[in-house]
N, C-alpha and C. Protein backbone atom coordinates (compact mmCIF):
# COMPACT_ATOMS: atom_id res chain seq x y z
N MET A 1 -13.84 3.50 6.38
CA MET A 1 -13.08 4.18 6.71
C MET A 1 -11.50 3.53 7.14
N PRO A 2 -10.62 3.71 6.40
CA PRO A 2 -9.24 3.13 6.72
C PRO A 2 -8.78 3.35 8.08
N ALA A 3 -8.43 2.56 8.85
CA ALA A 3 -7.59 2.60 10.23
C ALA A 3 -6.48 3.38 9.91
N ASN A 4 -5.76 3.75 10.81
CA ASN A 4 -4.20 4.66 10.65
C ASN A 4 -3.76 4.11 11.71
N PRO A 5 -3.11 3.05 11.70
CA PRO A 5 -2.31 2.35 12.45
C PRO A 5 -1.11 3.25 13.01
N ARG A 6 -1.10 3.53 14.84
CA ARG A 6 -0.08 4.10 15.16
C ARG A 6 0.97 2.94 15.69
N PHE A 7 2.25 3.14 15.30
CA PHE A 7 3.45 2.50 15.66
C PHE A 7 4.07 2.61 17.00
N ARG A 8 4.36 1.67 17.95
CA ARG A 8 5.15 1.77 18.97
C ARG A 8 6.20 0.84 18.80
N ARG A 9 7.32 1.20 19.81
CA ARG A 9 8.36 -0.08 20.01
C ARG A 9 8.84 -0.24 19.02
N VAL A 10 8.90 0.96 18.11
CA VAL A 10 9.91 0.78 16.71
C VAL A 10 11.04 0.66 16.78
N VAL A 11 12.10 -0.12 16.50
CA VAL A 11 13.41 -0.87 16.59
C VAL A 11 13.79 -0.90 14.87
N ARG A 12 15.04 -0.69 14.46
CA ARG A 12 15.57 -0.85 13.42
C ARG A 12 16.68 -1.89 13.50
N ILE A 13 16.59 -3.05 12.95
CA ILE A 13 17.53 -4.21 13.14
C ILE A 13 18.05 -4.05 11.54
N GLY A 14 19.26 -3.75 11.31
CA GLY A 14 19.74 -3.49 10.04
C GLY A 14 18.77 -2.66 9.04
N PRO A 15 18.63 -3.15 7.85
CA PRO A 15 17.64 -2.19 7.01
C PRO A 15 16.01 -2.54 7.39
N VAL A 16 15.91 -3.31 8.33
CA VAL A 16 14.60 -3.75 8.58
C VAL A 16 14.16 -3.16 9.90
N GLN A 17 12.66 -2.45 9.78
CA GLN A 17 12.32 -1.91 10.74
C GLN A 17 10.91 -2.73 11.27
N VAL A 18 11.05 -2.90 12.67
CA VAL A 18 10.01 -3.91 13.10
C VAL A 18 9.19 -2.82 14.36
N ALA A 19 8.01 -3.00 14.23
CA ALA A 19 6.92 -2.04 14.89
C ALA A 19 6.14 -2.90 15.63
N THR A 20 5.31 -2.47 16.65
CA THR A 20 4.17 -2.97 17.38
C THR A 20 2.94 -1.99 16.90
N TYR A 21 1.82 -2.61 16.61
CA TYR A 21 0.28 -1.34 16.53
C TYR A 21 -0.86 -2.42 16.67
N HIS A 22 -1.85 -1.97 16.91
CA HIS A 22 -3.32 -2.68 16.98
C HIS A 22 -3.84 -2.62 15.42
N ASP A 23 -4.59 -3.29 15.38
CA ASP A 23 -5.32 -3.79 14.08
C ASP A 23 -6.47 -2.93 14.42
N ALA A 24 -7.48 -3.21 13.15
CA ALA A 24 -8.56 -2.47 13.27
C ALA A 24 -9.78 -3.49 14.14
N ARG A 25 -9.60 -4.65 14.26
CA ARG A 25 -9.93 -5.24 15.53
C ARG A 25 -9.77 -5.38 16.69
N GLY A 26 -8.45 -4.30 17.50
CA GLY A 26 -8.15 -4.28 18.38
C GLY A 26 -7.17 -5.26 18.68
N ARG A 27 -6.49 -5.65 17.59
CA ARG A 27 -5.61 -7.21 18.37
C ARG A 27 -4.57 -6.07 18.14
N GLU A 28 -3.22 -6.75 19.16
CA GLU A 28 -1.82 -6.29 18.82
C GLU A 28 -1.40 -7.12 17.79
N ARG A 29 -0.71 -6.62 17.20
CA ARG A 29 0.19 -7.00 15.61
C ARG A 29 1.44 -6.38 15.68
N HIS A 30 2.12 -7.47 14.78
CA HIS A 30 3.55 -6.56 15.17
C HIS A 30 4.30 -6.92 13.36
N THR A 31 4.67 -5.82 12.72
CA THR A 31 5.13 -5.97 11.62
C THR A 31 7.16 -5.63 11.19
N ALA A 32 7.34 -6.26 10.22
CA ALA A 32 8.62 -6.28 9.83
C ALA A 32 8.55 -5.64 8.64
N ALA A 33 9.36 -4.28 8.00
CA ALA A 33 9.37 -3.90 6.95
C ALA A 33 10.77 -3.21 6.23
N CYS A 34 11.60 -3.82 5.40
CA CYS A 34 12.58 -3.29 5.08
C CYS A 34 12.82 -2.08 4.42
N ALA A 35 13.44 -1.48 4.76
CA ALA A 35 13.40 0.19 4.12
C ALA A 35 14.46 0.15 3.21
N ALA A 36 15.11 -0.59 2.54
CA ALA A 36 16.15 -0.39 1.39
C ALA A 36 15.50 -0.22 0.07
N PRO A 37 15.75 0.53 -0.75
CA PRO A 37 15.57 1.07 -1.93
C PRO A 37 15.16 -0.40 -2.52
N ARG A 38 13.85 -0.54 -3.39
CA ARG A 38 13.48 -1.24 -4.15
C ARG A 38 13.54 -2.56 -3.69
N CYS A 39 13.35 -3.01 -2.49
CA CYS A 39 13.19 -4.03 -1.74
C CYS A 39 11.80 -4.83 -1.63
N GLY A 40 11.05 -4.01 -0.93
CA GLY A 40 9.53 -4.54 -1.01
C GLY A 40 9.27 -5.49 0.43
N PHE A 41 10.37 -5.96 1.39
CA PHE A 41 9.95 -6.77 2.07
C PHE A 41 8.92 -6.16 3.06
N SER A 42 8.09 -6.96 3.47
CA SER A 42 7.08 -6.33 4.86
C SER A 42 6.27 -7.82 5.08
N THR A 43 6.26 -7.93 6.23
CA THR A 43 5.32 -9.26 6.66
C THR A 43 4.73 -8.72 8.53
N GLU A 44 3.78 -9.51 8.38
CA GLU A 44 2.84 -8.85 9.54
C GLU A 44 2.66 -10.53 10.57
N TYR A 45 3.33 -10.30 11.76
CA TYR A 45 3.03 -11.71 12.85
C TYR A 45 2.36 -11.18 14.11
N ASP A 46 2.10 -12.32 14.65
CA ASP A 46 1.15 -12.31 15.70
C ASP A 46 2.06 -12.17 17.20
N SER A 47 3.37 -12.23 17.15
CA SER A 47 4.11 -12.42 18.00
C SER A 47 5.38 -11.74 17.92
N ARG A 48 5.79 -10.69 18.63
CA ARG A 48 7.24 -9.55 18.33
C ARG A 48 8.21 -10.43 18.44
N ALA A 49 8.75 -11.85 18.75
CA ALA A 49 9.73 -12.54 18.33
C ALA A 49 9.69 -12.98 17.07
N ALA A 50 8.43 -13.32 16.44
CA ALA A 50 8.65 -13.68 15.37
C ALA A 50 8.95 -12.64 14.14
N ALA A 51 8.59 -11.27 14.42
CA ALA A 51 8.79 -10.09 13.52
C ALA A 51 10.45 -9.96 13.69
N GLU A 52 11.04 -10.05 14.90
CA GLU A 52 12.08 -9.60 15.11
C GLU A 52 13.16 -11.03 14.82
N LEU A 53 12.73 -12.07 14.50
CA LEU A 53 13.58 -13.10 13.53
C LEU A 53 13.49 -12.91 12.30
N ALA A 54 12.56 -12.48 11.58
CA ALA A 54 12.19 -12.37 10.59
C ALA A 54 13.27 -10.86 9.87
N ALA A 55 13.62 -10.00 10.89
CA ALA A 55 14.22 -8.96 10.30
C ALA A 55 15.72 -9.29 10.67
N ARG A 56 15.85 -10.29 11.47
CA ARG A 56 17.21 -10.90 11.86
C ARG A 56 18.05 -11.39 10.62
N THR A 57 17.31 -12.24 9.90
CA THR A 57 17.33 -13.48 9.10
C THR A 57 17.09 -12.80 7.38
N HIS A 58 16.57 -11.37 7.35
CA HIS A 58 15.98 -10.95 6.22
C HIS A 58 17.17 -11.11 5.42
N ARG A 59 17.44 -10.91 3.88
CA ARG A 59 18.57 -10.53 3.20
C ARG A 59 17.71 -10.06 1.51
N CYS A 60 18.09 -8.73 1.65
CA CYS A 60 17.97 -7.96 0.22
C CYS A 60 18.13 -8.76 -0.66
N ALA A 61 17.01 -9.05 -1.88
CA ALA A 61 17.54 -9.49 -3.15
C ALA A 61 17.74 -8.66 -3.96
N THR A 62 17.83 -7.25 -3.85
CA THR A 62 17.97 -6.36 -4.80
C THR A 62 19.39 -5.66 -4.45
N ARG A 63 20.40 -6.45 -4.26
CA ARG A 63 21.83 -5.82 -3.92
C ARG A 63 22.33 -6.02 -5.02
């Protein structure tokens, strides 16, 4: 049965949303995902600082 993550501390930095959640093993994980159409950028990190840095430096290639 797949886990349904509950995102918390969701912030938006430009077109990228950064959120914190707990994975299936109970570890705290952080994700950064671009909400721009046809971009597809999405990554997971162990630290919140890394996810926010990725969000600040992300540039969509579909412009």
